[in-house]
Amino acid sequence: MSERRRGLRHVERVMGTVFSFDIRDARTPALEAALGEAVAWLHHVDAVFSTYRPESAVSRLGRGEIGLDDCPAEVREVLGRCERAERVTGGWFSATAGATLDPSGLVKGWAVERAWQLLRAAGARDTCVNGGGDLRFGGESAPGRPWRIGIAHPLRPGDLCTVVTGRDLAVATSGSAERGPHILDPHTGAPASGPASVTVVGPDLSTTDAYATAAFAMGAGARAWLAGLDGYEGFAVTQDGRSWRTPGFPGPAFTFRPSAAATSW
């Protein structure tokens, strides 16, 4: 086996889900150190943002025990991103959808994006970071071969509903198949009655993840809204088993090419 193909792989349970790292570049001390840093980063994010930990900064902020200035800088960054997401989505994304502070709809994608960037800065080029089904890819899976991402069918366990291929992309899926009705309609506070799942593809996972959450909450209006975004594409499976896709997401296998017009924040 070549040095390039050995690479690095790691699985970590954190933030209530499973994260996996698949680094196809040749193993180096710098990449090994960056992988350790990326794993430590995820645990830091969990400690700061978990709404299940009463001692986390976000939990204490939500209860009014501390102010924003008392929180780590990451909290201000994430809440700023949440505010921008709320404006861009017309209120369909919100960090206070259930009348309590919960930026979870953005945090995981943001954390994965930062972990991927740590690896990138250390020299990783052909890398996938998977955070509970939200994925950030760079480079190729093998020389001359783009990454291929199978999207699980929300109504038929074990089946795929579509396949996405590409070299530098982020893929985020929101739905109720695995966790039940956990996404709320920000306008009513009730569980969103969206499709079975919505998958959004874009250039970075922070924004793509938030857009997937908003699109699920939108329900019927998600298709037209996603079609109007530059640099993002969407695919959904409806509750009755049918599917829809944005015009730039053609065919059963979709190849994503990043757009220079895509806006991330």
C-alpha atoms as a PDB file:
ATOM      1  CA  MET A   1       0.000   0.000   0.000  1.00  0.00           C
ATOM      2  CA  SER A   2       1.362   3.392  -0.970  1.00  0.00           C
ATOM      3  CA  GLU A   3       2.107   6.109   1.567  1.00  0.00           C
ATOM      4  CA  ARG A   4      -0.562   8.269  -0.066  1.00  0.00           C
ATOM      5  CA  ARG A   5      -3.225   5.623   0.356  1.00  0.00           C
ATOM      6  CA  ARG A   6      -2.460   4.977   4.017  1.00  0.00           C
ATOM      7  CA  GLY A   7      -3.668   8.413   5.053  1.00  0.00           C
ATOM      8  CA  LEU A   8      -5.458   8.898   8.350  1.00  0.00           C
ATOM      9  CA  ARG A   9      -8.876   7.834   9.583  1.00  0.00           C
ATOM     10  CA  HIS A  10     -10.510   8.557  12.897  1.00  0.00           C
ATOM     11  CA  VAL A  11     -13.973   8.234  14.455  1.00  0.00           C
ATOM     12  CA  GLU A  12     -15.032  10.348  17.439  1.00  0.00           C
ATOM     13  CA  ARG A  13     -18.303  10.368  19.383  1.00  0.00           C
ATOM     14  CA  VAL A  14     -19.058  13.925  20.474  1.00  0.00           C
ATOM     15  CA  MET A  15     -21.903  16.456  20.373  1.00  0.00           C
ATOM     16  CA  GLY A  16     -24.427  13.626  20.635  1.00  0.00           C
ATOM     17  CA  THR A  17     -23.417  12.060  17.325  1.00  0.00           C
ATOM     18  CA  VAL A  18     -20.516  10.428  15.494  1.00  0.00           C
ATOM     19  CA  PHE A  19     -17.840  12.391  13.629  1.00  0.00           C
ATOM     20  CA  SER A  20     -15.499  10.717  11.186  1.00  0.00           C
ATOM     21  CA  PHE A  21     -12.310  11.948   9.542  1.00  0.00           C
ATOM     22  CA  ASP A  22     -11.066  10.453   6.275  1.00  0.00           C
ATOM     23  CA  ILE A  23      -7.758  12.004   5.201  1.00  0.00           C
ATOM     24  CA  ARG A  24      -6.449  10.538   1.960  1.00  0.00           C
ATOM     25  CA  ASP A  25      -3.186  12.536   1.935  1.00  0.00           C
ATOM     26  CA  ALA A  26       0.094  10.933   2.986  1.00  0.00           C
ATOM     27  CA  ARG A  27       0.425  10.654   6.752  1.00  0.00           C
ATOM     28  CA  THR A  28       2.697  13.336   8.230  1.00  0.00           C
ATOM     29  CA  PRO A  29       3.365  14.541  11.786  1.00  0.00           C
ATOM     30  CA  ALA A  30       1.695  17.840  10.895  1.00  0.00           C
ATOM     31  CA  LEU A  31      -1.506  16.087   9.799  1.00  0.00           C
ATOM     32  CA  GLU A  32      -1.502  13.855  12.875  1.00  0.00           C
ATOM     33  CA  ALA A  33      -1.204  16.939  15.089  1.00  0.00           C
ATOM     34  CA  ALA A  34      -3.951  18.742  13.141  1.00  0.00           C
ATOM     35  CA  LEU A  35      -6.265  15.757  13.503  1.00  0.00           C
ATOM     36  CA  GLY A  36      -5.767  15.843  17.260  1.00  0.00           C
ATOM     37  CA  GLU A  37      -6.441  19.574  17.244  1.00  0.00           C
ATOM     38  CA  ALA A  38      -9.608  19.089  15.191  1.00  0.00           C
ATOM     39  CA  VAL A  39     -10.921  16.444  17.610  1.00  0.00           C
ATOM     40  CA  ALA A  40     -10.142  18.672  20.599  1.00  0.00           C
ATOM     41  CA  TRP A  41     -11.954  21.517  18.829  1.00  0.00           C
ATOM     42  CA  LEU A  42     -15.142  19.448  18.518  1.00  0.00           C
ATOM     43  CA  HIS A  43     -15.100  18.646  22.227  1.00  0.00           C
ATOM     44  CA  HIS A  44     -14.584  22.339  22.987  1.00  0.00           C
ATOM     45  CA  VAL A  45     -17.598  23.226  20.836  1.00  0.00           C
ATOM     46  CA  ASP A  46     -19.676  20.622  22.670  1.00  0.00           C
ATOM     47  CA  ALA A  47     -18.657  22.024  26.050  1.00  0.00           C
ATOM     48  CA  VAL A  48     -19.519  25.594  25.008  1.00  0.00           C
ATOM     49  CA  PHE A  49     -22.677  25.089  22.919  1.00  0.00           C
ATOM     50  CA  SER A  50     -24.445  21.959  24.189  1.00  0.00           C
ATOM     51  CA  THR A  51     -28.008  22.716  25.221  1.00  0.00           C
ATOM     52  CA  TYR A  52     -28.000  19.421  27.145  1.00  0.00           C
ATOM     53  CA  ARG A  53     -25.223  20.565  29.470  1.00  0.00           C
ATOM     54  CA  PRO A  54     -26.567  22.968  32.101  1.00  0.00           C
ATOM     55  CA  GLU A  55     -23.047  24.309  32.683  1.00  0.00           C
ATOM     56  CA  SER A  56     -22.357  25.191  29.026  1.00  0.00           C
ATOM     57  CA  ALA A  57     -21.985  28.849  28.103  1.00  0.00           C
ATOM     58  CA  VAL A  58     -25.031  28.700  25.817  1.00  0.00           C
ATOM     59  CA  SER A  59     -27.201  27.110  28.518  1.00  0.00           C
ATOM     60  CA  ARG A  60     -26.127  29.686  31.091  1.00  0.00           C
ATOM     61  CA  LEU A  61     -26.611  32.528  28.592  1.00  0.00           C
ATOM     62  CA  GLY A  62     -30.071  31.264  27.759  1.00  0.00           C
ATOM     63  CA  ARG A  63     -31.031  31.222  31.444  1.00  0.00           C
ATOM     64  CA  GLY A  64     -29.729  34.766  31.890  1.00  0.00           C
ATOM     65  CA  GLU A  65     -27.025  33.763  34.359  1.00  0.00           C
ATOM     66  CA  ILE A  66     -24.291  35.363  32.252  1.00  0.00           C
ATOM     67  CA  GLY A  67     -24.137  37.968  29.511  1.00  0.00           C
ATOM     68  CA  LEU A  68     -22.763  37.674  26.001  1.00  0.00           C
ATOM     69  CA  ASP A  69     -19.564  39.439  27.043  1.00  0.00           C
ATOM     70  CA  ASP A  70     -18.979  36.709  29.611  1.00  0.00           C
ATOM     71  CA  CYS A  71     -19.059  33.975  26.953  1.00  0.00           C
ATOM     72  CA  PRO A  72     -16.184  32.645  24.847  1.00  0.00           C
ATOM     73  CA  ALA A  73     -15.643  34.542  21.600  1.00  0.00           C
ATOM     74  CA  GLU A  74     -17.076  31.617  19.624  1.00  0.00           C
ATOM     75  CA  VAL A  75     -20.521  32.273  21.076  1.00  0.00           C
ATOM     76  CA  ARG A  76     -20.568  35.812  19.720  1.00  0.00           C
ATOM     77  CA  GLU A  77     -19.400  34.546  16.327  1.00  0.00           C
ATOM     78  CA  VAL A  78     -22.056  31.841  16.130  1.00  0.00           C
ATOM     79  CA  LEU A  79     -24.894  34.082  17.287  1.00  0.00           C
ATOM     80  CA  GLY A  80     -23.814  36.684  14.736  1.00  0.00           C
ATOM     81  CA  ARG A  81     -23.988  34.010  12.049  1.00  0.00           C
ATOM     82  CA  CYS A  82     -27.414  32.964  13.319  1.00  0.00           C
ATOM     83  CA  GLU A  83     -28.669  36.541  13.031  1.00  0.00           C
ATOM     84  CA  ARG A  84     -27.440  36.739   9.437  1.00  0.00           C
ATOM     85  CA  ALA A  85     -29.023  33.380   8.646  1.00  0.00           C
ATOM     86  CA  GLU A  86     -32.319  34.590  10.078  1.00  0.00           C
ATOM     87  CA  ARG A  87     -32.236  37.667   7.829  1.00  0.00           C
ATOM     88  CA  VAL A  88     -31.264  35.747   4.676  1.00  0.00           C
ATOM     89  CA  THR A  89     -33.906  33.052   5.222  1.00  0.00           C
ATOM     90  CA  GLY A  90     -36.714  35.448   6.007  1.00  0.00           C
ATOM     91  CA  GLY A  91     -36.916  34.173   9.571  1.00  0.00           C
ATOM     92  CA  TRP A  92     -37.103  30.475   8.696  1.00  0.00           C
ATOM     93  CA  PHE A  93     -33.846  29.907  10.533  1.00  0.00           C
ATOM     94  CA  SER A  94     -33.762  31.064  14.130  1.00  0.00           C
ATOM     95  CA  ALA A  95     -31.593  30.385  17.173  1.00  0.00           C
ATOM     96  CA  THR A  96     -34.647  30.996  19.372  1.00  0.00           C
ATOM     97  CA  ALA A  97     -37.309  29.022  17.489  1.00  0.00           C
ATOM     98  CA  GLY A  98     -38.573  27.349  20.650  1.00  0.00           C
ATOM     99  CA  ALA A  99     -38.448  30.532  22.769  1.00  0.00           C
ATOM    100  CA  THR A 100     -35.137  29.325  24.231  1.00  0.00           C
ATOM    101  CA  LEU A 101     -31.625  29.936  22.967  1.00  0.00           C
ATOM    102  CA  ASP A 102     -30.580  27.029  20.740  1.00  0.00           C
ATOM    103  CA  PRO A 103     -28.138  27.671  17.856  1.00  0.00           C
ATOM    104  CA  SER A 104     -27.778  23.915  17.175  1.00  0.00           C
ATOM    105  CA  GLY A 105     -29.084  24.284  13.619  1.00  0.00           C
ATOM    106  CA  LEU A 106     -25.869  26.077  12.705  1.00  0.00           C
ATOM    107  CA  VAL A 107     -23.305  24.917  15.262  1.00  0.00           C
ATOM    108  CA  LYS A 108     -22.560  21.429  13.931  1.00  0.00           C
ATOM    109  CA  GLY A 109     -21.926  22.572  10.364  1.00  0.00           C
ATOM    110  CA  TRP A 110     -19.823  25.472  11.634  1.00  0.00           C
ATOM    111  CA  ALA A 111     -17.792  23.131  13.853  1.00  0.00           C
ATOM    112  CA  VAL A 112     -17.174  20.664  11.019  1.00  0.00           C
ATOM    113  CA  GLU A 113     -16.146  23.478   8.674  1.00  0.00           C
ATOM    114  CA  ARG A 114     -13.608  24.737  11.225  1.00  0.00           C
ATOM    115  CA  ALA A 115     -12.263  21.207  11.820  1.00  0.00           C
ATOM    116  CA  TRP A 116     -11.862  20.750   8.051  1.00  0.00           C
ATOM    117  CA  GLN A 117     -10.034  24.078   7.823  1.00  0.00           C
ATOM    118  CA  LEU A 118      -7.611  23.014  10.562  1.00  0.00           C
ATOM    119  CA  LEU A 119      -6.698  19.950   8.498  1.00  0.00           C
ATOM    120  CA  ARG A 120      -6.457  22.029   5.341  1.00  0.00           C
ATOM    121  CA  ALA A 121      -4.060  24.468   7.012  1.00  0.00           C
ATOM    122  CA  ALA A 122      -1.819  21.529   7.955  1.00  0.00           C
ATOM    123  CA  GLY A 123      -1.548  20.379   4.339  1.00  0.00           C
ATOM    124  CA  ALA A 124      -4.543  18.072   3.893  1.00  0.00           C
ATOM    125  CA  ARG A 125      -6.003  18.354   0.405  1.00  0.00           C
ATOM    126  CA  ASP A 126      -8.001  15.142  -0.112  1.00  0.00           C
ATOM    127  CA  THR A 127     -10.151  15.071   3.002  1.00  0.00           C
ATOM    128  CA  CYS A 128     -13.669  14.355   4.218  1.00  0.00           C
ATOM    129  CA  VAL A 129     -15.047  15.332   7.617  1.00  0.00           C
ATOM    130  CA  ASN A 130     -18.474  13.856   8.420  1.00  0.00           C
ATOM    131  CA  GLY A 131     -20.426  15.177  11.372  1.00  0.00           C
ATOM    132  CA  GLY A 132     -23.525  13.049  11.818  1.00  0.00           C
ATOM    133  CA  GLY A 133     -24.300  13.070   8.102  1.00  0.00           C
ATOM    134  CA  ASP A 134     -23.289  16.675   7.414  1.00  0.00           C
ATOM    135  CA  LEU A 135     -20.140  16.518   5.308  1.00  0.00           C
ATOM    136  CA  ARG A 136     -17.286  18.727   4.183  1.00  0.00           C
ATOM    137  CA  PHE A 137     -15.071  17.475   1.370  1.00  0.00           C
ATOM    138  CA  GLY A 138     -11.896  18.718  -0.236  1.00  0.00           C
ATOM    139  CA  GLY A 139      -9.854  17.442  -3.149  1.00  0.00           C
ATOM    140  CA  GLU A 140     -10.423  13.912  -4.406  1.00  0.00           C
ATOM    141  CA  SER A 141     -11.180  10.485  -2.959  1.00  0.00           C
ATOM    142  CA  ALA A 142      -8.377   9.066  -5.139  1.00  0.00           C
ATOM    143  CA  PRO A 143      -6.212  10.524  -7.918  1.00  0.00           C
ATOM    144  CA  GLY A 144      -8.530  11.607 -10.718  1.00  0.00           C
ATOM    145  CA  ARG A 145     -11.690  10.541  -8.845  1.00  0.00           C
ATOM    146  CA  PRO A 146     -14.097  13.013  -7.212  1.00  0.00           C
ATOM    147  CA  TRP A 147     -15.838  12.196  -3.978  1.00  0.00           C
ATOM    148  CA  ARG A 148     -19.179  10.369  -4.291  1.00  0.00           C
ATOM    149  CA  ILE A 149     -21.723  10.966  -1.552  1.00  0.00           C
ATOM    150  CA  GLY A 150     -24.782   8.771  -1.245  1.00  0.00           C
ATOM    151  CA  ILE A 151     -27.779  10.490   0.352  1.00  0.00           C
ATOM    152  CA  ALA A 152     -29.767   8.120   2.572  1.00  0.00           C
ATOM    153  CA  HIS A 153     -33.450   7.726   1.746  1.00  0.00           C
ATOM    154  CA  PRO A 154     -35.451   9.008   4.735  1.00  0.00           C
ATOM    155  CA  LEU A 155     -38.365   6.613   4.178  1.00  0.00           C
ATOM    156  CA  ARG A 156     -36.528   3.476   3.061  1.00  0.00           C
ATOM    157  CA  PRO A 157     -33.724   2.559   5.480  1.00  0.00           C
ATOM    158  CA  GLY A 158     -30.695   1.182   3.681  1.00  0.00           C
ATOM    159  CA  ASP A 159     -31.581   2.799   0.342  1.00  0.00           C
ATOM    160  CA  LEU A 160     -30.140   5.899  -1.304  1.00  0.00           C
ATOM    161  CA  CYS A 161     -32.319   8.611  -2.813  1.00  0.00           C
ATOM    162  CA  THR A 162     -29.563  10.341  -4.809  1.00  0.00           C
ATOM    163  CA  VAL A 163     -25.789  10.601  -5.205  1.00  0.00           C
ATOM    164  CA  VAL A 164     -23.712  13.790  -5.201  1.00  0.00           C
ATOM    165  CA  THR A 165     -20.215  13.961  -6.677  1.00  0.00           C
ATOM    166  CA  GLY A 166     -17.673  16.758  -6.452  1.00  0.00           C
ATOM    167  CA  ARG A 167     -14.218  17.846  -5.361  1.00  0.00           C
ATOM    168  CA  ASP A 168     -14.762  20.785  -2.998  1.00  0.00           C
ATOM    169  CA  LEU A 169     -18.190  20.879  -1.481  1.00  0.00           C
ATOM    170  CA  ALA A 170     -20.365  20.761   1.603  1.00  0.00           C
ATOM    171  CA  VAL A 171     -23.469  18.586   1.957  1.00  0.00           C
ATOM    172  CA  ALA A 172     -26.053  19.011   4.719  1.00  0.00           C
ATOM    173  CA  THR A 173     -29.295  17.093   5.225  1.00  0.00           C
ATOM    174  CA  SER A 174     -32.148  18.003   7.555  1.00  0.00           C
ATOM    175  CA  GLY A 175     -35.068  15.728   8.334  1.00  0.00           C
ATOM    176  CA  SER A 176     -37.036  13.863  10.953  1.00  0.00           C
ATOM    177  CA  ALA A 177     -36.261  10.253  10.037  1.00  0.00           C
ATOM    178  CA  GLU A 178     -33.584   9.664  12.669  1.00  0.00           C
ATOM    179  CA  ARG A 179     -34.294  12.205  15.430  1.00  0.00           C
ATOM    180  CA  GLY A 180     -38.028  12.698  15.051  1.00  0.00           C
ATOM    181  CA  PRO A 181     -39.657  16.158  14.808  1.00  0.00           C
ATOM    182  CA  HIS A 182     -36.779  18.142  16.326  1.00  0.00           C
ATOM    183  CA  ILE A 183     -36.810  21.070  13.869  1.00  0.00           C
ATOM    184  CA  LEU A 184     -39.251  23.801  14.888  1.00  0.00           C
ATOM    185  CA  ASP A 185     -41.174  26.288  12.787  1.00  0.00           C
ATOM    186  CA  PRO A 186     -39.696  29.602  14.010  1.00  0.00           C
ATOM    187  CA  HIS A 187     -42.974  31.405  13.309  1.00  0.00           C
ATOM    188  CA  THR A 188     -45.138  29.141  15.477  1.00  0.00           C
ATOM    189  CA  GLY A 189     -42.723  27.309  17.786  1.00  0.00           C
ATOM    190  CA  ALA A 190     -44.365  24.006  16.786  1.00  0.00           C
ATOM    191  CA  PRO A 191     -42.532  21.137  15.060  1.00  0.00           C
ATOM    192  CA  ALA A 192     -42.046  21.963  11.382  1.00  0.00           C
ATOM    193  CA  SER A 193     -44.173  19.938   8.971  1.00  0.00           C
ATOM    194  CA  GLY A 194     -41.550  19.839   6.251  1.00  0.00           C
ATOM    195  CA  PRO A 195     -40.658  17.096   3.791  1.00  0.00           C
ATOM    196  CA  ALA A 196     -39.124  13.822   4.938  1.00  0.00           C
ATOM    197  CA  SER A 197     -35.680  15.296   4.272  1.00  0.00           C
ATOM    198  CA  VAL A 198     -33.966  18.204   2.527  1.00  0.00           C
ATOM    199  CA  THR A 199     -30.373  18.030   1.274  1.00  0.00           C
ATOM    200  CA  VAL A 200     -28.489  21.217   0.416  1.00  0.00           C
ATOM    201  CA  VAL A 201     -25.140  21.335  -1.393  1.00  0.00           C
ATOM    202  CA  GLY A 202     -22.907  24.391  -1.235  1.00  0.00           C
ATOM    203  CA  PRO A 203     -19.355  25.702  -0.887  1.00  0.00           C
ATOM    204  CA  ASP A 204     -19.038  25.694   2.925  1.00  0.00           C
ATOM    205  CA  LEU A 205     -20.801  23.735   5.639  1.00  0.00           C
ATOM    206  CA  SER A 206     -21.544  26.597   8.025  1.00  0.00           C
ATOM    207  CA  THR A 207     -23.973  28.237   5.610  1.00  0.00           C
ATOM    208  CA  THR A 208     -25.123  25.047   3.904  1.00  0.00           C
ATOM    209  CA  ASP A 209     -26.184  23.490   7.215  1.00  0.00           C
ATOM    210  CA  ALA A 210     -28.208  26.547   8.209  1.00  0.00           C
ATOM    211  CA  TYR A 211     -29.876  26.635   4.792  1.00  0.00           C
ATOM    212  CA  ALA A 212     -30.850  22.951   5.084  1.00  0.00           C
ATOM    213  CA  THR A 213     -32.478  23.622   8.469  1.00  0.00           C
ATOM    214  CA  ALA A 214     -34.340  26.646   7.098  1.00  0.00           C
ATOM    215  CA  ALA A 215     -35.453  24.788   3.971  1.00  0.00           C
ATOM    216  CA  PHE A 216     -36.912  21.967   6.045  1.00  0.00           C
ATOM    217  CA  ALA A 217     -38.823  24.438   8.215  1.00  0.00           C
ATOM    218  CA  MET A 218     -40.166  26.224   5.105  1.00  0.00           C
ATOM    219  CA  GLY A 219     -41.809  23.102   3.764  1.00  0.00           C
ATOM    220  CA  ALA A 220     -43.593  23.850   0.476  1.00  0.00           C
ATOM    221  CA  GLY A 221     -41.738  27.118  -0.127  1.00  0.00           C
ATOM    222  CA  ALA A 222     -38.265  25.598   0.120  1.00  0.00           C
ATOM    223  CA  ARG A 223     -37.883  24.597  -3.512  1.00  0.00           C
ATOM    224  CA  ALA A 224     -38.390  28.090  -4.934  1.00  0.00           C
ATOM    225  CA  TRP A 225     -36.263  29.681  -2.205  1.00  0.00           C
ATOM    226  CA  LEU A 226     -33.323  27.330  -2.755  1.00  0.00           C
ATOM    227  CA  ALA A 227     -33.590  27.784  -6.535  1.00  0.00           C
ATOM    228  CA  GLY A 228     -33.063  31.517  -6.038  1.00  0.00           C
ATOM    229  CA  LEU A 229     -29.770  31.150  -4.144  1.00  0.00           C
ATOM    230  CA  ASP A 230     -26.482  31.573  -5.994  1.00  0.00           C
ATOM    231  CA  GLY A 231     -24.093  28.657  -5.546  1.00  0.00           C
ATOM    232  CA  TYR A 232     -26.440  26.358  -3.614  1.00  0.00           C
ATOM    233  CA  GLU A 233     -28.605  23.480  -4.809  1.00  0.00           C
ATOM    234  CA  GLY A 234     -31.258  21.394  -3.081  1.00  0.00           C
ATOM    235  CA  PHE A 235     -32.949  18.009  -3.202  1.00  0.00           C
ATOM    236  CA  ALA A 236     -35.854  16.791  -1.080  1.00  0.00           C
ATOM    237  CA  VAL A 237     -37.898  13.668  -0.468  1.00  0.00           C
ATOM    238  CA  THR A 238     -41.501  14.462   0.437  1.00  0.00           C
ATOM    239  CA  GLN A 239     -43.527  12.647   3.065  1.00  0.00           C
ATOM    240  CA  ASP A 240     -45.339  10.621   0.385  1.00  0.00           C
ATOM    241  CA  GLY A 241     -42.067   9.369  -1.114  1.00  0.00           C
ATOM    242  CA  ARG A 242     -41.864  11.693  -4.098  1.00  0.00           C
ATOM    243  CA  SER A 243     -38.890  14.000  -4.623  1.00  0.00           C
ATOM    244  CA  TRP A 244     -38.034  17.404  -6.001  1.00  0.00           C
ATOM    245  CA  ARG A 245     -34.789  19.126  -6.889  1.00  0.00           C
ATOM    246  CA  THR A 246     -33.662  22.610  -7.823  1.00  0.00           C
ATOM    247  CA  PRO A 247     -32.920  23.249 -11.512  1.00  0.00           C
ATOM    248  CA  GLY A 248     -29.158  23.019 -10.941  1.00  0.00           C
ATOM    249  CA  PHE A 249     -29.476  19.617  -9.262  1.00  0.00           C
ATOM    250  CA  PRO A 250     -30.276  17.491 -12.323  1.00  0.00           C
ATOM    251  CA  GLY A 251     -30.520  13.743 -12.762  1.00  0.00           C
ATOM    252  CA  PRO A 252     -30.091  10.917 -10.255  1.00  0.00           C
ATOM    253  CA  ALA A 253     -26.379  11.682  -9.819  1.00  0.00           C
ATOM    254  CA  PHE A 254     -25.442  15.321  -9.321  1.00  0.00           C
ATOM    255  CA  THR A 255     -21.962  16.800  -9.829  1.00  0.00           C
ATOM    256  CA  PHE A 256     -21.448  19.949  -7.800  1.00  0.00           C
ATOM    257  CA  ARG A 257     -19.195  22.712  -9.126  1.00  0.00           C
ATOM    258  CA  PRO A 258     -18.667  25.613  -6.724  1.00  0.00           C
ATOM    259  CA  SER A 259     -19.937  28.971  -7.929  1.00  0.00           C
ATOM    260  CA  ALA A 260     -17.970  32.179  -7.574  1.00  0.00           C
ATOM    261  CA  ALA A 261     -21.294  33.897  -6.867  1.00  0.00           C
ATOM    262  CA  ALA A 262     -22.027  31.814  -3.761  1.00  0.00           C
ATOM    263  CA  THR A 263     -22.396  33.892  -0.609  1.00  0.00           C
ATOM    264  CA  SER A 264     -21.210  32.457   2.701  1.00  0.00           C
ATOM    265  CA  TRP A 265     -21.117  34.101   6.082  1.00  0.00           C
END
